[in-house]
Amino acid sequence: MNRNGDETEIKLSLNEEKLNGCK
């Protein structure tokens, strides 16, 4: 269960990086 939560945080971080890169 913990690992799943970590994966979610990583995905959110990657999405934020992509949004910042688009700007």
C-alpha atoms as a PDB file:
ATOM      1  CA  MET A   1       0.000   0.000   0.000  1.00  0.00           C
ATOM      2  CA  ASN A   2       2.825   2.398   0.858  1.00  0.00           C
ATOM      3  CA  ARG A   3       4.609   1.770  -2.435  1.00  0.00           C
ATOM      4  CA  ASN A   4       1.383   2.565  -4.293  1.00  0.00           C
ATOM      5  CA  GLY A   5       1.170   5.924  -2.506  1.00  0.00           C
ATOM      6  CA  ASP A   6       4.785   6.698  -3.427  1.00  0.00           C
ATOM      7  CA  GLU A   7       4.047   5.953  -7.083  1.00  0.00           C
ATOM      8  CA  THR A   8       1.137   8.394  -6.969  1.00  0.00           C
ATOM      9  CA  GLU A   9       3.366  11.125  -5.533  1.00  0.00           C
ATOM     10  CA  ILE A  10       5.981  10.469  -8.227  1.00  0.00           C
ATOM     11  CA  LYS A  11       3.338  10.683 -10.969  1.00  0.00           C
ATOM     12  CA  LEU A  12       2.064  13.984  -9.543  1.00  0.00           C
ATOM     13  CA  SER A  13       5.626  15.330  -9.432  1.00  0.00           C
ATOM     14  CA  LEU A  14       6.231  14.304 -13.058  1.00  0.00           C
ATOM     15  CA  ASN A  15       2.983  15.982 -14.111  1.00  0.00           C
ATOM     16  CA  GLU A  16       4.041  19.213 -12.360  1.00  0.00           C
ATOM     17  CA  GLU A  17       7.411  19.118 -14.134  1.00  0.00           C
ATOM     18  CA  LYS A  18       5.668  18.640 -17.497  1.00  0.00           C
ATOM     19  CA  LEU A  19       3.338  21.592 -16.804  1.00  0.00           C
ATOM     20  CA  ASN A  20       6.289  23.779 -15.799  1.00  0.00           C
ATOM     21  CA  GLY A  21       8.197  22.715 -18.913  1.00  0.00           C
ATOM     22  CA  CYS A  22       5.272  23.675 -21.170  1.00  0.00           C
ATOM     23  CA  LYS A  23       5.288  27.240 -19.831  1.00  0.00           C
END
